[in-house]
Protein backbone atom coordinates (compact mmCIF):
# COMPACT_ATOMS: atom_id res chain seq x y z
CA UNK A 1 0.00 0.00 0.00
CA UNK A 2 1.40 3.40 -1.05
CA UNK A 3 1.00 6.14 1.54
CA UNK A 4 1.27 9.79 0.53
CA UNK A 5 3.72 11.93 2.52
CA UNK A 6 2.06 14.22 5.09
CA UNK A 7 3.29 17.37 3.32
CA UNK A 8 3.86 18.18 -0.34
CA UNK A 9 6.89 19.96 -1.78
CA UNK A 10 6.19 21.76 -5.05
CA UNK A 11 8.74 21.66 -7.87
CA UNK A 12 9.84 25.23 -7.05
CA UNK A 13 10.42 24.26 -3.40
CA UNK A 14 12.33 21.13 -4.39
CA UNK A 15 14.56 23.06 -6.80
CA UNK A 16 15.46 25.61 -4.14
CA UNK A 17 15.90 23.11 -1.32
CA UNK A 18 18.33 21.14 -3.46
CA UNK A 19 20.48 24.28 -3.79
CA UNK A 20 20.77 24.69 -0.01
CA UNK A 21 23.46 23.08 2.08
CA UNK A 22 21.44 22.03 5.12
CA UNK A 23 23.04 23.35 8.35
CA UNK A 24 21.28 20.51 10.19
CA UNK A 25 20.44 17.05 8.83
CA UNK A 26 16.66 17.56 8.45
CA UNK A 27 14.07 20.00 7.16
CA UNK A 28 11.58 20.56 10.00
CA UNK A 29 7.91 21.26 9.24
CA UNK A 30 5.68 22.14 12.15
CA UNK A 31 3.46 24.59 14.00
CA UNK A 32 4.27 27.23 16.58
CA UNK A 33 1.67 28.55 18.96
CA UNK A 34 -1.92 27.40 19.38
CA UNK A 35 -3.90 25.67 16.70
CA UNK A 36 -6.24 28.63 16.17
CA UNK A 37 -3.58 31.32 16.14
CA UNK A 38 -0.62 29.15 15.26
CA UNK A 39 1.82 29.69 12.44
CA UNK A 40 3.65 27.20 10.30
CA UNK A 41 7.33 26.54 10.97
CA UNK A 42 9.92 25.63 8.36
CA UNK A 43 13.58 25.31 9.27
CA UNK A 44 16.55 23.02 9.69
CA UNK A 45 16.89 20.84 12.77
CA UNK A 46 18.03 17.55 14.27
CA UNK A 47 15.63 14.71 15.03
CA UNK A 48 14.19 14.30 18.53
CA UNK A 49 12.35 11.39 20.14
CA UNK A 50 8.99 13.01 19.26
CA UNK A 51 9.71 13.30 15.54
CA UNK A 52 8.57 11.21 12.61
CA UNK A 53 11.04 11.08 9.73
CA UNK A 54 10.08 11.17 6.04
CA UNK A 55 12.05 11.18 2.83
CA UNK A 56 10.14 13.35 0.38
CA UNK A 57 11.69 13.51 -3.10
CA UNK A 58 15.09 12.80 -1.46
CA UNK A 59 14.64 15.66 1.03
CA UNK A 60 14.89 14.45 4.67
CA UNK A 61 11.89 15.90 6.54
CA UNK A 62 10.94 15.64 10.22
CA UNK A 63 7.60 16.47 11.83
CA UNK A 64 6.82 16.33 15.54
CA UNK A 65 4.13 13.66 16.11
CA UNK A 66 2.13 16.14 18.21
CA UNK A 67 1.96 18.56 15.27
CA UNK A 68 1.38 16.04 12.49
CA UNK A 69 -2.39 16.44 12.44
CA UNK A 70 -2.06 20.22 12.04
CA UNK A 71 0.42 20.13 9.15
CA UNK A 72 -1.12 17.17 7.31
CA UNK A 73 -1.88 18.21 3.73
CA UNK A 74 0.34 21.31 3.85
CA UNK A 75 1.95 22.38 0.61
CA UNK A 76 5.40 23.96 0.67
CA UNK A 77 6.28 26.17 -2.27
CA UNK A 78 8.95 28.70 -3.17
CA UNK A 79 7.99 31.99 -4.75
CA UNK A 80 10.62 34.11 -6.48
CA UNK A 81 8.55 37.31 -6.23
CA UNK A 82 7.97 36.72 -2.51
CA UNK A 83 11.60 35.64 -2.22
CA UNK A 84 11.01 32.67 -0.01
CA UNK A 85 9.28 29.51 1.05
CA UNK A 86 5.55 29.49 1.79
CA UNK A 87 3.48 26.90 3.65
CA UNK A 88 -0.25 26.71 3.08
CA UNK A 89 -3.09 24.24 3.02
CA UNK A 90 -4.67 24.10 -0.41
CA UNK A 91 -8.46 23.92 -0.50
CA UNK A 92 -9.92 20.43 -0.62
CA UNK A 93 -11.40 19.48 -3.95
C-alpha atoms as a PDB file:
ATOM      1  CA  UNK A   1       0.000   0.000   0.000  1.00  0.00           C
ATOM      2  CA  UNK A   2       1.399   3.395  -1.045  1.00  0.00           C
ATOM      3  CA  UNK A   3       0.999   6.137   1.539  1.00  0.00           C
ATOM      4  CA  UNK A   4       1.275   9.788   0.529  1.00  0.00           C
ATOM      5  CA  UNK A   5       3.723  11.930   2.518  1.00  0.00           C
ATOM      6  CA  UNK A   6       2.065  14.218   5.089  1.00  0.00           C
ATOM      7  CA  UNK A   7       3.287  17.373   3.318  1.00  0.00           C
ATOM      8  CA  UNK A   8       3.858  18.180  -0.340  1.00  0.00           C
ATOM      9  CA  UNK A   9       6.888  19.955  -1.784  1.00  0.00           C
ATOM     10  CA  UNK A  10       6.192  21.763  -5.048  1.00  0.00           C
ATOM     11  CA  UNK A  11       8.737  21.665  -7.874  1.00  0.00           C
ATOM     12  CA  UNK A  12       9.838  25.225  -7.053  1.00  0.00           C
ATOM     13  CA  UNK A  13      10.416  24.262  -3.396  1.00  0.00           C
ATOM     14  CA  UNK A  14      12.332  21.126  -4.394  1.00  0.00           C
ATOM     15  CA  UNK A  15      14.563  23.057  -6.802  1.00  0.00           C
ATOM     16  CA  UNK A  16      15.463  25.611  -4.143  1.00  0.00           C
ATOM     17  CA  UNK A  17      15.899  23.108  -1.320  1.00  0.00           C
ATOM     18  CA  UNK A  18      18.333  21.136  -3.459  1.00  0.00           C
ATOM     19  CA  UNK A  19      20.480  24.277  -3.792  1.00  0.00           C
ATOM     20  CA  UNK A  20      20.768  24.691  -0.013  1.00  0.00           C
ATOM     21  CA  UNK A  21      23.459  23.076   2.080  1.00  0.00           C
ATOM     22  CA  UNK A  22      21.438  22.027   5.122  1.00  0.00           C
ATOM     23  CA  UNK A  23      23.045  23.346   8.345  1.00  0.00           C
ATOM     24  CA  UNK A  24      21.280  20.505  10.195  1.00  0.00           C
ATOM     25  CA  UNK A  25      20.438  17.053   8.826  1.00  0.00           C
ATOM     26  CA  UNK A  26      16.656  17.561   8.450  1.00  0.00           C
ATOM     27  CA  UNK A  27      14.070  20.002   7.159  1.00  0.00           C
ATOM     28  CA  UNK A  28      11.579  20.558  10.003  1.00  0.00           C
ATOM     29  CA  UNK A  29       7.913  21.255   9.236  1.00  0.00           C
ATOM     30  CA  UNK A  30       5.675  22.137  12.147  1.00  0.00           C
ATOM     31  CA  UNK A  31       3.459  24.587  14.003  1.00  0.00           C
ATOM     32  CA  UNK A  32       4.272  27.228  16.582  1.00  0.00           C
ATOM     33  CA  UNK A  33       1.666  28.551  18.962  1.00  0.00           C
ATOM     34  CA  UNK A  34      -1.915  27.403  19.384  1.00  0.00           C
ATOM     35  CA  UNK A  35      -3.896  25.674  16.700  1.00  0.00           C
ATOM     36  CA  UNK A  36      -6.242  28.627  16.171  1.00  0.00           C
ATOM     37  CA  UNK A  37      -3.578  31.320  16.142  1.00  0.00           C
ATOM     38  CA  UNK A  38      -0.616  29.155  15.261  1.00  0.00           C
ATOM     39  CA  UNK A  39       1.817  29.694  12.445  1.00  0.00           C
ATOM     40  CA  UNK A  40       3.652  27.196  10.297  1.00  0.00           C
ATOM     41  CA  UNK A  41       7.335  26.541  10.973  1.00  0.00           C
ATOM     42  CA  UNK A  42       9.921  25.629   8.363  1.00  0.00           C
ATOM     43  CA  UNK A  43      13.584  25.308   9.268  1.00  0.00           C
ATOM     44  CA  UNK A  44      16.548  23.016   9.694  1.00  0.00           C
ATOM     45  CA  UNK A  45      16.894  20.837  12.770  1.00  0.00           C
ATOM     46  CA  UNK A  46      18.028  17.554  14.267  1.00  0.00           C
ATOM     47  CA  UNK A  47      15.635  14.714  15.033  1.00  0.00           C
ATOM     48  CA  UNK A  48      14.191  14.301  18.530  1.00  0.00           C
ATOM     49  CA  UNK A  49      12.347  11.392  20.139  1.00  0.00           C
ATOM     50  CA  UNK A  50       8.988  13.009  19.262  1.00  0.00           C
ATOM     51  CA  UNK A  51       9.707  13.297  15.539  1.00  0.00           C
ATOM     52  CA  UNK A  52       8.568  11.214  12.608  1.00  0.00           C
ATOM     53  CA  UNK A  53      11.041  11.077   9.731  1.00  0.00           C
ATOM     54  CA  UNK A  54      10.083  11.165   6.042  1.00  0.00           C
ATOM     55  CA  UNK A  55      12.055  11.183   2.832  1.00  0.00           C
ATOM     56  CA  UNK A  56      10.135  13.348   0.383  1.00  0.00           C
ATOM     57  CA  UNK A  57      11.687  13.506  -3.098  1.00  0.00           C
ATOM     58  CA  UNK A  58      15.090  12.800  -1.459  1.00  0.00           C
ATOM     59  CA  UNK A  59      14.641  15.661   1.027  1.00  0.00           C
ATOM     60  CA  UNK A  60      14.888  14.449   4.666  1.00  0.00           C
ATOM     61  CA  UNK A  61      11.892  15.897   6.541  1.00  0.00           C
ATOM     62  CA  UNK A  62      10.935  15.642  10.216  1.00  0.00           C
ATOM     63  CA  UNK A  63       7.595  16.466  11.834  1.00  0.00           C
ATOM     64  CA  UNK A  64       6.821  16.326  15.541  1.00  0.00           C
ATOM     65  CA  UNK A  65       4.134  13.660  16.111  1.00  0.00           C
ATOM     66  CA  UNK A  66       2.128  16.144  18.208  1.00  0.00           C
ATOM     67  CA  UNK A  67       1.965  18.562  15.268  1.00  0.00           C
ATOM     68  CA  UNK A  68       1.381  16.042  12.491  1.00  0.00           C
ATOM     69  CA  UNK A  69      -2.394  16.441  12.437  1.00  0.00           C
ATOM     70  CA  UNK A  70      -2.064  20.220  12.038  1.00  0.00           C
ATOM     71  CA  UNK A  71       0.421  20.129   9.152  1.00  0.00           C
ATOM     72  CA  UNK A  72      -1.116  17.170   7.313  1.00  0.00           C
ATOM     73  CA  UNK A  73      -1.876  18.208   3.729  1.00  0.00           C
ATOM     74  CA  UNK A  74       0.339  21.309   3.852  1.00  0.00           C
ATOM     75  CA  UNK A  75       1.950  22.382   0.606  1.00  0.00           C
ATOM     76  CA  UNK A  76       5.404  23.961   0.666  1.00  0.00           C
ATOM     77  CA  UNK A  77       6.282  26.171  -2.270  1.00  0.00           C
ATOM     78  CA  UNK A  78       8.949  28.701  -3.166  1.00  0.00           C
ATOM     79  CA  UNK A  79       7.986  31.989  -4.754  1.00  0.00           C
ATOM     80  CA  UNK A  80      10.616  34.108  -6.476  1.00  0.00           C
ATOM     81  CA  UNK A  81       8.547  37.311  -6.229  1.00  0.00           C
ATOM     82  CA  UNK A  82       7.973  36.723  -2.510  1.00  0.00           C
ATOM     83  CA  UNK A  83      11.601  35.644  -2.216  1.00  0.00           C
ATOM     84  CA  UNK A  84      11.014  32.669  -0.013  1.00  0.00           C
ATOM     85  CA  UNK A  85       9.282  29.510   1.049  1.00  0.00           C
ATOM     86  CA  UNK A  86       5.551  29.488   1.785  1.00  0.00           C
ATOM     87  CA  UNK A  87       3.476  26.903   3.645  1.00  0.00           C
ATOM     88  CA  UNK A  88      -0.248  26.713   3.080  1.00  0.00           C
ATOM     89  CA  UNK A  89      -3.090  24.245   3.016  1.00  0.00           C
ATOM     90  CA  UNK A  90      -4.665  24.097  -0.414  1.00  0.00           C
ATOM     91  CA  UNK A  91      -8.465  23.918  -0.499  1.00  0.00           C
ATOM     92  CA  UNK A  92      -9.915  20.431  -0.622  1.00  0.00           C
ATOM     93  CA  UNK A  93     -11.396  19.482  -3.950  1.00  0.00           C
END
